[in-house]
Amino acid sequence: MFYYGEVPWHGEGKELDQPANMEEAIKYGGLDWEVEMVGLRTDEEQPSRVDTRVAIVRKDRPKGHRNVYLV
């Protein structure tokens, strides 16, 4: 969270001296992470690939993290 100008009602976030450009907004907004597409498998004793679907995952989260999957 960041802001320019008046402090938000909640009083949190990084204050910027000027409006953010795109790169700054991504950085100060905490969105500076990468994603990748990962193939899916069924949850069976002998897993099968699901060729028609993929998961979009954050690359900065460890495998098994509850917020690793985005879509």
N, C-alpha and C. Protein backbone atom coordinates (compact mmCIF):
# COMPACT_ATOMS: atom_id res chain seq x y z
N MET A 1 0.85 -1.17 0.00
CA MET A 1 0.00 0.00 0.00
C MET A 1 0.89 1.23 0.00
N PHE A 2 0.53 2.19 -0.82
CA PHE A 2 1.24 3.47 -0.85
C PHE A 2 0.21 4.55 -1.10
N TYR A 3 0.64 5.77 -0.86
CA TYR A 3 -0.25 6.90 -1.13
C TYR A 3 0.57 8.13 -1.47
N TYR A 4 -0.07 9.05 -2.14
CA TYR A 4 0.52 10.35 -2.47
C TYR A 4 -0.49 11.39 -2.01
N GLY A 5 -0.03 12.36 -1.28
CA GLY A 5 -0.94 13.42 -0.83
C GLY A 5 -1.43 13.14 0.58
N GLU A 6 -2.72 13.25 0.75
CA GLU A 6 -3.34 13.11 2.07
C GLU A 6 -3.19 11.69 2.62
N VAL A 7 -2.89 11.59 3.90
CA VAL A 7 -2.75 10.29 4.56
C VAL A 7 -4.12 9.60 4.56
N PRO A 8 -4.19 8.33 4.17
CA PRO A 8 -5.47 7.62 4.16
C PRO A 8 -6.07 7.53 5.57
N TRP A 9 -7.36 7.31 5.65
CA TRP A 9 -8.06 7.27 6.94
C TRP A 9 -7.46 6.22 7.88
N HIS A 10 -6.91 5.13 7.33
CA HIS A 10 -6.36 4.06 8.18
C HIS A 10 -4.93 4.36 8.63
N GLY A 11 -4.30 5.39 8.04
CA GLY A 11 -2.97 5.80 8.46
C GLY A 11 -1.84 4.87 8.07
N GLU A 12 -2.10 3.94 7.18
CA GLU A 12 -1.07 2.97 6.78
C GLU A 12 -0.58 3.25 5.37
N GLY A 13 0.54 2.66 5.04
CA GLY A 13 1.09 2.75 3.70
C GLY A 13 2.32 3.62 3.63
N LYS A 14 3.02 3.50 2.51
CA LYS A 14 4.23 4.29 2.28
C LYS A 14 3.83 5.60 1.62
N GLU A 15 4.29 6.69 2.20
CA GLU A 15 4.01 8.01 1.61
C GLU A 15 5.01 8.28 0.49
N LEU A 16 4.51 8.71 -0.65
CA LEU A 16 5.36 9.07 -1.79
C LEU A 16 5.39 10.58 -1.94
N ASP A 17 6.53 11.12 -2.39
CA ASP A 17 6.69 12.56 -2.59
C ASP A 17 6.00 13.05 -3.86
N GLN A 18 5.76 12.13 -4.79
CA GLN A 18 5.11 12.47 -6.06
C GLN A 18 4.30 11.27 -6.52
N PRO A 19 3.37 11.47 -7.45
CA PRO A 19 2.60 10.32 -7.95
C PRO A 19 3.53 9.24 -8.49
N ALA A 20 3.14 8.00 -8.30
CA ALA A 20 3.95 6.86 -8.73
C ALA A 20 3.78 6.60 -10.22
N ASN A 21 4.89 6.23 -10.86
CA ASN A 21 4.78 5.73 -12.23
C ASN A 21 4.44 4.24 -12.14
N MET A 22 4.33 3.57 -13.26
CA MET A 22 3.91 2.18 -13.25
C MET A 22 4.86 1.28 -12.46
N GLU A 23 6.16 1.43 -12.68
CA GLU A 23 7.14 0.59 -11.98
C GLU A 23 7.09 0.83 -10.47
N GLU A 24 6.98 2.08 -10.07
CA GLU A 24 6.90 2.41 -8.64
C GLU A 24 5.62 1.88 -8.02
N ALA A 25 4.51 1.99 -8.74
CA ALA A 25 3.24 1.50 -8.22
C ALA A 25 3.30 -0.01 -7.99
N ILE A 26 3.91 -0.74 -8.91
CA ILE A 26 4.06 -2.19 -8.75
C ILE A 26 4.92 -2.50 -7.53
N LYS A 27 6.04 -1.79 -7.40
CA LYS A 27 6.96 -2.02 -6.28
C LYS A 27 6.31 -1.65 -4.95
N TYR A 28 5.83 -0.42 -4.81
CA TYR A 28 5.29 0.05 -3.54
C TYR A 28 3.94 -0.58 -3.21
N GLY A 29 3.26 -1.09 -4.22
CA GLY A 29 1.99 -1.78 -3.99
C GLY A 29 2.18 -3.25 -3.62
N GLY A 30 3.43 -3.71 -3.57
CA GLY A 30 3.70 -5.09 -3.19
C GLY A 30 3.35 -6.10 -4.27
N LEU A 31 3.38 -5.65 -5.52
CA LEU A 31 3.00 -6.52 -6.64
C LEU A 31 4.19 -6.91 -7.50
N ASP A 32 5.39 -6.77 -6.97
CA ASP A 32 6.60 -7.04 -7.75
C ASP A 32 7.04 -8.50 -7.63
N TRP A 33 6.17 -9.41 -8.00
CA TRP A 33 6.48 -10.83 -8.02
C TRP A 33 6.12 -11.40 -9.38
N GLU A 34 6.69 -12.55 -9.71
CA GLU A 34 6.47 -13.18 -11.01
C GLU A 34 5.52 -14.36 -10.87
N VAL A 35 4.88 -14.72 -11.98
CA VAL A 35 3.98 -15.87 -12.01
C VAL A 35 4.44 -16.83 -13.10
N GLU A 36 3.96 -18.05 -13.01
CA GLU A 36 4.21 -19.03 -14.06
C GLU A 36 3.00 -19.94 -14.19
N MET A 37 2.87 -20.57 -15.34
CA MET A 37 1.80 -21.54 -15.56
C MET A 37 2.32 -22.92 -15.19
N VAL A 38 1.52 -23.66 -14.45
CA VAL A 38 1.88 -25.01 -14.01
C VAL A 38 0.79 -25.97 -14.45
N GLY A 39 1.21 -27.07 -15.07
CA GLY A 39 0.24 -28.08 -15.48
C GLY A 39 -0.44 -28.73 -14.29
N LEU A 40 -1.65 -29.17 -14.48
CA LEU A 40 -2.42 -29.80 -13.41
C LEU A 40 -2.40 -31.32 -13.55
N ARG A 41 -2.61 -31.99 -12.43
CA ARG A 41 -2.72 -33.45 -12.38
C ARG A 41 -3.92 -33.81 -11.54
N THR A 42 -4.49 -34.95 -11.81
CA THR A 42 -5.61 -35.43 -10.99
C THR A 42 -5.09 -35.91 -9.64
N ASP A 43 -5.97 -35.96 -8.66
CA ASP A 43 -5.60 -36.42 -7.31
C ASP A 43 -6.01 -37.88 -7.15
N GLU A 44 -5.42 -38.72 -7.96
CA GLU A 44 -5.70 -40.15 -7.92
C GLU A 44 -4.44 -40.88 -7.49
N GLU A 45 -4.57 -42.16 -7.18
CA GLU A 45 -3.41 -42.96 -6.80
C GLU A 45 -2.36 -42.95 -7.91
N GLN A 46 -2.81 -43.00 -9.14
CA GLN A 46 -1.94 -42.86 -10.31
C GLN A 46 -2.34 -41.55 -10.99
N PRO A 47 -1.70 -40.42 -10.63
CA PRO A 47 -2.11 -39.12 -11.18
C PRO A 47 -2.03 -39.08 -12.71
N SER A 48 -2.99 -38.37 -13.30
CA SER A 48 -3.01 -38.16 -14.74
C SER A 48 -2.90 -36.67 -15.00
N ARG A 49 -2.25 -36.32 -16.10
CA ARG A 49 -2.18 -34.91 -16.49
C ARG A 49 -3.54 -34.43 -16.94
N VAL A 50 -3.82 -33.15 -16.67
CA VAL A 50 -5.02 -32.49 -17.18
C VAL A 50 -4.53 -31.51 -18.23
N ASP A 51 -4.62 -31.91 -19.49
CA ASP A 51 -4.03 -31.13 -20.58
C ASP A 51 -4.80 -29.87 -20.94
N THR A 52 -6.05 -29.76 -20.53
CA THR A 52 -6.88 -28.63 -20.94
C THR A 52 -6.89 -27.48 -19.94
N ARG A 53 -6.17 -27.61 -18.84
CA ARG A 53 -6.16 -26.57 -17.81
C ARG A 53 -4.75 -26.38 -17.25
N VAL A 54 -4.46 -25.18 -16.76
CA VAL A 54 -3.22 -24.88 -16.05
C VAL A 54 -3.57 -24.03 -14.83
N ALA A 55 -2.67 -24.01 -13.88
CA ALA A 55 -2.79 -23.12 -12.73
C ALA A 55 -1.80 -21.98 -12.92
N ILE A 56 -2.17 -20.79 -12.53
CA ILE A 56 -1.27 -19.65 -12.51
C ILE A 56 -0.78 -19.52 -11.07
N VAL A 57 0.53 -19.62 -10.86
CA VAL A 57 1.09 -19.63 -9.51
C VAL A 57 2.14 -18.54 -9.35
N ARG A 58 2.26 -18.05 -8.12
CA ARG A 58 3.30 -17.09 -7.78
C ARG A 58 4.61 -17.83 -7.62
N LYS A 59 5.67 -17.31 -8.23
CA LYS A 59 6.98 -17.96 -8.15
C LYS A 59 7.71 -17.65 -6.85
N ASP A 60 7.26 -16.64 -6.10
CA ASP A 60 7.95 -16.26 -4.87
C ASP A 60 7.40 -16.98 -3.64
N ARG A 61 6.46 -17.89 -3.81
CA ARG A 61 5.88 -18.62 -2.68
C ARG A 61 6.37 -20.06 -2.71
N PRO A 62 6.66 -20.64 -1.54
CA PRO A 62 7.11 -22.03 -1.52
C PRO A 62 5.99 -22.99 -1.90
N LYS A 63 6.36 -24.11 -2.46
CA LYS A 63 5.39 -25.14 -2.84
C LYS A 63 4.55 -25.51 -1.62
N GLY A 64 3.24 -25.56 -1.79
CA GLY A 64 2.34 -25.90 -0.70
C GLY A 64 1.81 -24.71 0.08
N HIS A 65 2.35 -23.50 -0.16
CA HIS A 65 1.87 -22.29 0.51
C HIS A 65 0.42 -22.07 0.14
N ARG A 66 -0.40 -21.67 1.08
CA ARG A 66 -1.84 -21.56 0.79
C ARG A 66 -2.19 -20.47 -0.22
N ASN A 67 -1.33 -19.48 -0.42
CA ASN A 67 -1.61 -18.42 -1.38
C ASN A 67 -0.74 -18.48 -2.62
N VAL A 68 -0.24 -19.66 -2.96
CA VAL A 68 0.61 -19.78 -4.14
C VAL A 68 -0.23 -19.76 -5.43
N TYR A 69 -1.43 -20.32 -5.42
CA TYR A 69 -2.26 -20.40 -6.62
C TYR A 69 -3.09 -19.14 -6.78
N LEU A 70 -3.06 -18.55 -7.97
CA LEU A 70 -3.83 -17.34 -8.25
C LEU A 70 -5.10 -17.65 -9.03
N VAL A 71 -5.01 -18.54 -10.00
CA VAL A 71 -6.18 -18.87 -10.83
C VAL A 71 -6.25 -20.37 -10.97
